[in-house]
Protein backbone atom coordinates (compact mmCIF):
# COMPACT_ATOMS: atom_id res chain seq x y z
CA MET A 1 131.60 90.91 -25.00
CA VAL A 2 130.17 92.45 -21.80
CA PHE A 3 133.32 94.56 -21.34
CA ARG A 4 133.00 95.82 -24.92
CA ALA A 5 129.35 96.79 -24.49
CA ILE A 6 130.04 98.69 -21.25
CA PHE A 7 133.12 100.30 -22.81
CA GLU A 8 131.15 101.59 -25.80
CA LYS A 9 128.49 103.14 -23.55
CA LEU A 10 131.11 104.73 -21.32
CA LYS A 11 133.01 106.05 -24.32
CA VAL A 12 129.92 107.98 -25.44
CA GLY A 13 128.91 109.00 -21.93
CA LEU A 14 132.38 110.23 -20.97
CA SER A 15 132.95 112.24 -24.15
CA LYS A 16 133.26 115.57 -22.30
CA THR A 17 135.76 114.24 -19.77
CA ARG A 18 137.64 112.37 -22.50
CA GLY A 19 138.35 115.68 -24.21
CA VAL A 20 140.35 116.70 -21.15
CA PHE A 21 142.07 113.34 -20.52
CA SER A 22 143.03 112.30 -24.01
CA GLY A 23 146.23 113.32 -25.69
CA PHE A 24 148.90 112.36 -23.14
CA ALA A 25 150.66 110.32 -25.84
CA SER A 26 150.66 113.21 -28.34
CA LEU A 27 151.68 115.57 -25.55
CA PHE A 28 154.69 113.36 -24.84
CA ARG A 29 155.62 113.20 -28.52
CA LEU A 30 155.44 116.99 -28.67
CA ARG A 31 157.78 117.41 -25.69
CA GLY A 32 159.95 114.36 -26.37
CA LYS A 33 160.53 113.75 -22.67
CA VAL A 34 158.96 113.97 -19.25
CA ASP A 35 160.21 117.41 -18.26
CA ARG A 36 158.81 120.22 -16.12
CA ASN A 37 156.63 121.58 -18.93
CA PHE A 38 155.19 118.14 -19.72
CA LEU A 39 154.33 117.53 -16.06
CA ALA A 40 152.80 121.01 -15.74
CA GLU A 41 150.53 120.41 -18.74
CA MET A 42 149.63 116.95 -17.49
CA GLU A 43 148.81 118.38 -14.06
CA LYS A 44 146.59 121.03 -15.63
CA ARG A 45 144.60 118.43 -17.55
CA LEU A 46 144.09 116.29 -14.45
CA TYR A 47 142.83 119.30 -12.51
CA LEU A 48 140.45 120.24 -15.33
CA ALA A 49 138.96 116.75 -15.10
CA ASP A 50 138.54 117.35 -11.32
CA VAL A 51 140.84 114.46 -10.39
CA GLY A 52 141.74 116.36 -7.21
CA VAL A 53 144.93 117.48 -5.48
CA THR A 54 145.88 114.20 -3.79
CA ALA A 55 145.27 111.92 -6.77
CA THR A 56 146.92 114.37 -9.20
CA PHE A 57 150.02 114.67 -6.99
CA LEU A 58 150.34 110.87 -6.80
CA ILE A 59 150.05 110.44 -10.57
CA ILE A 60 152.49 113.24 -11.38
CA GLU A 61 155.08 111.94 -8.91
CA GLN A 62 154.77 108.37 -10.16
CA VAL A 63 155.23 109.46 -13.78
CA ARG A 64 158.19 111.70 -12.92
CA GLN A 65 159.99 109.09 -10.81
CA SER A 66 159.30 106.22 -13.21
CA PHE A 67 160.67 108.22 -16.12
CA LEU A 68 163.81 109.08 -14.14
CA ASN A 69 164.22 105.40 -13.30
CA LYS A 70 163.81 104.55 -16.99
CA GLU A 71 160.77 102.40 -16.19
CA ILE A 72 158.72 104.20 -18.84
CA GLY A 73 159.53 105.85 -22.14
CA GLU A 74 157.11 106.75 -24.90
CA ASP A 75 154.47 104.51 -23.33
CA VAL A 76 153.67 107.19 -20.75
CA GLU A 77 149.93 107.06 -21.55
CA THR A 78 149.83 103.31 -20.88
CA PHE A 79 151.60 103.93 -17.59
CA VAL A 80 149.13 106.68 -16.57
CA LYS A 81 146.20 104.41 -17.44
CA GLN A 82 147.58 101.68 -15.20
CA GLN A 83 148.07 104.11 -12.29
CA LEU A 84 144.48 105.32 -12.63
CA LYS A 85 143.09 101.77 -12.77
CA GLU A 86 144.96 100.87 -9.59
CA MET A 87 143.41 103.84 -7.80
CA LEU A 88 139.91 102.46 -8.33
CA THR A 89 138.19 99.32 -7.13
CA ALA A 90 135.37 97.53 -8.86
CA GLY A 91 132.03 97.59 -7.09
CA GLU A 92 130.63 94.13 -6.47
CA GLY A 93 127.07 94.96 -7.47
CA ILE A 94 124.15 94.42 -5.11
CA SER A 95 124.73 92.28 -2.01
CA TYR A 96 121.62 90.13 -1.89
CA ALA A 97 120.08 88.80 1.32
CA ALA A 98 120.37 85.05 1.82
CA ASN A 99 116.65 84.84 2.65
CA GLY A 100 113.70 87.13 2.06
CA PRO A 101 113.71 90.46 0.26
CA THR A 102 116.88 92.47 -0.23
CA VAL A 103 116.41 96.08 0.89
CA VAL A 104 118.28 98.79 -1.00
CA MET A 105 118.03 102.28 0.46
CA VAL A 106 118.90 105.12 -1.90
CA ALA A 107 119.97 108.53 -0.61
CA GLY A 108 121.14 111.79 -2.17
CA VAL A 109 120.45 115.50 -2.41
CA ASN A 110 117.72 117.00 -4.58
CA GLY A 111 118.82 117.29 -8.18
CA SER A 112 121.48 114.59 -7.93
CA GLY A 113 119.58 112.25 -10.26
CA LYS A 114 118.39 110.05 -7.40
CA THR A 115 114.84 109.33 -8.62
CA THR A 116 115.96 108.57 -12.17
CA SER A 117 118.78 106.37 -10.87
CA ILE A 118 116.25 104.37 -8.83
CA ALA A 119 114.19 103.75 -11.97
CA LYS A 120 117.29 102.68 -13.88
CA LEU A 121 118.38 100.39 -11.05
CA ALA A 122 114.92 98.82 -10.82
CA ARG A 123 114.96 98.23 -14.56
CA ARG A 124 118.40 96.61 -14.41
CA LEU A 125 117.36 94.32 -11.55
CA GLN A 126 114.19 93.34 -13.43
CA GLN A 127 116.33 92.41 -16.42
CA ASP A 128 118.36 90.22 -14.05
CA GLY A 129 115.15 88.34 -13.23
CA LYS A 130 114.36 90.01 -9.91
CA LYS A 131 110.85 90.90 -8.72
CA VAL A 132 111.24 94.53 -7.62
CA LEU A 133 109.14 96.75 -5.34
CA VAL A 134 109.76 100.49 -4.91
CA ALA A 135 108.90 102.54 -1.80
CA ALA A 136 108.30 106.27 -2.41
CA CYS A 137 109.51 107.63 0.94
CA ASP A 138 110.34 111.09 -0.41
CA THR A 139 106.99 112.35 0.88
CA TYR A 140 108.17 115.93 1.36
CA ARG A 141 108.02 116.64 -2.37
CA ALA A 142 104.88 115.73 -4.30
CA ALA A 143 106.86 115.90 -7.52
CA ALA A 144 109.23 113.19 -6.28
CA VAL A 145 106.40 110.72 -5.64
CA GLU A 146 104.75 111.58 -8.97
CA GLN A 147 108.00 111.19 -10.87
CA LEU A 148 108.76 107.82 -9.25
CA THR A 149 105.19 106.68 -9.97
CA VAL A 150 105.55 107.53 -13.65
CA TRP A 151 108.87 105.70 -13.88
CA SER A 152 107.44 102.66 -12.05
CA GLU A 153 104.47 102.44 -14.40
CA ARG A 154 106.77 102.74 -17.38
CA ILE A 155 108.86 99.73 -16.36
CA GLY A 156 105.98 97.74 -14.83
CA CYS A 157 107.28 97.93 -11.28
CA GLU A 158 104.96 97.94 -8.24
CA ILE A 159 105.21 100.98 -5.94
CA VAL A 160 104.18 101.72 -2.33
CA LYS A 161 103.35 105.37 -1.68
CA ASN A 162 101.28 107.61 0.57
CA GLN A 163 99.96 111.17 0.79
CA GLN A 164 102.39 114.06 0.50
CA GLY A 165 103.69 115.05 3.93
CA SER A 166 103.01 111.64 5.49
CA ASP A 167 105.62 109.94 7.64
CA PRO A 168 108.35 108.52 5.33
CA ALA A 169 109.19 105.81 7.86
CA SER A 170 105.58 104.56 7.81
CA VAL A 171 105.78 104.19 4.01
CA ALA A 172 109.00 102.21 4.45
CA HIS A 173 107.26 100.03 7.07
CA ASP A 174 104.31 99.29 4.75
CA ALA A 175 106.68 98.54 1.86
CA CYS A 176 108.62 96.04 3.97
CA GLU A 177 105.37 94.29 4.92
CA ARG A 178 104.28 94.06 1.28
CA ALA A 179 107.70 92.89 0.12
CA LYS A 180 107.62 90.02 2.62
CA ALA A 181 103.97 89.10 2.03
CA ARG A 182 104.17 89.03 -1.76
CA GLY A 183 107.57 87.47 -2.23
CA PHE A 184 109.48 90.38 -3.76
CA ASP A 185 113.19 89.80 -4.33
CA VAL A 186 114.26 93.44 -3.94
CA LEU A 187 112.75 96.46 -2.20
CA ILE A 188 114.23 99.80 -3.29
CA VAL A 189 113.53 102.54 -0.73
CA ASP A 190 113.64 106.10 -2.04
CA THR A 191 114.42 108.66 0.67
CA ALA A 192 113.80 112.39 0.82
CA GLY A 193 116.21 114.39 -1.28
CA ARG A 194 117.98 116.51 1.25
CA LEU A 195 120.94 118.79 1.69
CA HIS A 196 123.58 117.08 3.77
CA THR A 197 123.45 120.13 6.10
CA GLN A 198 119.73 119.67 6.95
CA LYS A 199 120.03 117.84 10.26
CA HIS A 200 116.31 117.18 10.77
CA LEU A 201 116.10 115.47 7.37
CA MET A 202 119.24 113.49 8.04
CA ARG A 203 117.58 112.27 11.26
CA GLU A 204 114.59 111.17 9.16
CA LEU A 205 116.98 109.12 7.04
CA GLU A 206 118.29 107.46 10.20
CA LYS A 207 114.70 106.69 11.25
CA ILE A 208 113.92 104.95 7.94
CA HIS A 209 117.12 102.96 8.41
CA ARG A 210 115.95 101.79 11.86
CA VAL A 211 112.44 100.90 10.64
CA VAL A 212 113.57 98.65 7.79
CA ALA A 213 116.14 97.03 10.10
CA ARG A 214 113.33 96.07 12.49
CA GLN A 215 111.09 94.75 9.71
CA ILE A 216 113.58 92.66 7.75
CA PRO A 217 116.65 90.94 9.26
CA GLY A 218 119.91 92.45 8.05
CA ALA A 219 118.17 95.33 6.26
CA PRO A 220 119.10 97.60 4.68
CA HIS A 221 121.42 95.29 2.81
CA GLU A 222 122.65 98.19 0.66
CA VAL A 223 122.65 101.94 1.22
CA LEU A 224 123.52 103.54 -2.10
CA LEU A 225 124.40 107.23 -2.28
CA VAL A 226 123.64 108.97 -5.57
CA LEU A 227 126.22 111.64 -6.39
CA ASP A 228 125.94 114.10 -9.26
CA ALA A 229 129.15 113.89 -11.32
CA THR A 230 128.64 117.44 -12.60
CA THR A 231 129.34 118.78 -9.09
CA GLY A 232 132.84 117.32 -9.19
CA GLN A 233 134.60 117.32 -5.84
CA ASN A 234 131.69 119.08 -4.12
CA ALA A 235 130.19 115.59 -4.06
CA ILE A 236 132.84 114.60 -1.50
CA ALA A 237 131.33 116.83 1.20
CA GLN A 238 127.92 115.29 0.54
CA ALA A 239 129.30 111.77 0.83
CA GLU A 240 131.14 112.51 4.06
CA ASN A 241 128.02 113.89 5.73
CA PHE A 242 125.72 111.11 4.53
CA GLU A 243 128.25 108.63 5.90
CA LYS A 244 127.78 110.17 9.35
CA ALA A 245 124.01 109.64 9.22
CA VAL A 246 123.86 106.17 7.71
CA ARG A 247 126.60 103.78 6.76
CA CYS A 248 126.66 103.84 2.96
CA SER A 249 127.74 100.71 1.13
CA GLY A 250 128.36 102.21 -2.29
CA ILE A 251 127.91 105.05 -4.74
CA ILE A 252 125.87 105.57 -7.88
CA LEU A 253 127.71 108.25 -9.86
CA ALA A 254 125.04 109.91 -12.01
CA LYS A 255 125.09 112.37 -14.95
CA LEU A 256 128.56 111.47 -16.20
CA ASP A 257 127.40 112.23 -19.73
CA GLY A 258 126.84 115.91 -18.82
CA THR A 259 130.22 116.82 -17.39
CA ALA A 260 133.95 117.15 -18.04
CA LYS A 261 134.52 116.34 -14.36
CA GLY A 262 134.45 112.57 -14.66
CA GLY A 263 137.88 112.54 -13.05
CA ALA A 264 136.19 113.31 -9.73
CA ILE A 265 135.73 109.57 -9.33
CA PHE A 266 139.43 109.37 -8.41
CA ALA A 267 139.17 112.19 -5.86
CA ILE A 268 136.10 110.56 -4.32
CA LYS A 269 137.94 107.25 -4.02
CA GLN A 270 140.97 108.93 -2.41
CA LYS A 271 138.84 110.80 0.14
CA ILE A 272 136.06 108.30 0.82
CA ASP A 273 136.77 104.61 0.64
CA LEU A 274 133.37 103.72 -0.83
CA PRO A 275 133.08 101.61 -3.97
CA VAL A 276 131.35 103.10 -6.99
CA LYS A 277 128.82 100.39 -7.82
CA PHE A 278 127.01 101.95 -10.79
CA VAL A 279 127.54 104.86 -13.17
CA GLY A 280 124.89 106.79 -15.06
CA VAL A 281 126.04 107.51 -18.61
CA GLY A 282 122.88 108.73 -20.35
CA GLU A 283 119.23 109.65 -20.04
CA THR A 284 117.49 106.43 -21.03
CA LEU A 285 116.40 103.69 -18.64
CA ASP A 286 119.18 101.42 -19.90
CA ASP A 287 121.96 103.92 -19.20
CA LEU A 288 123.01 102.67 -15.77
CA GLU A 289 126.08 100.46 -15.91
CA PRO A 290 127.94 98.41 -13.29
CA PHE A 291 131.20 100.17 -12.54
CA ASP A 292 134.34 98.57 -13.94
CA PRO A 293 137.71 100.40 -13.48
CA ASP A 294 139.31 98.97 -16.62
CA SER A 295 136.51 99.96 -19.00
CA TYR A 296 136.12 103.33 -17.27
CA VAL A 297 139.77 104.32 -17.65
CA GLU A 298 140.02 102.95 -21.19
CA ALA A 299 136.95 105.01 -22.13
CA LEU A 300 138.60 108.14 -20.73
CA PHE A 301 141.46 107.76 -23.21
CA ALA A 302 139.58 106.25 -26.15
């Protein structure tokens, strides 16, 4: 039942990418065999979905060799689905602290969908019965604090914030103190949206990381990186640089409903061995889903 619900949401959210992926079965029937032309067309479709050079090469070679070995026939689409599923790993959701509040830091560049993803994540955790506190540490942009405040009020979530331009680490410190004093289950720490090339802002991210680690044992328990699916493989460079500043534990892949580049998830997995924990498949507060490889791949071909 849960699989079906997630699948239906993904099917709608991945409609643009599905237009590129679907049709391998009809393509095979048109060609009648796995020949050079079939593989060339298949390769083109995988590139259009931004699957990436490495992942595309692996899939093409596996299909070609398996057909030669008579391991597959007309069920080529089923075979491709299985190869794609094996390339991905299911995220295990949030790793909760054994005692005290669980701290989830959220990072990402401006425009990636970070603030909206935080609101969606807070909403999902509330629905799971968690008492959630949000820390607005993106103090460099007044709009970021305002936007997070509006979202927090909408879902009935408490927020810790300060004046624009104030020290983000001090906001994180105050939020940790409140989370401990008032028995919150989860503290979500927003961080300044930054370009991965802005070294001074990346150092600020490291500072927040140190502050929460001092305040709460084992914190941050999660460092989630929000990547914009519409940027395709450009997201890989962002992830690599954020990894150098703070050790990320997982990815939120946002804005999948607005792109035909949903195949980038395979390229990201090949390049950066980080689990995708959640995917954003729409604009409403309920459009953040736990990532599941089976439902994701099935939705691509639905």
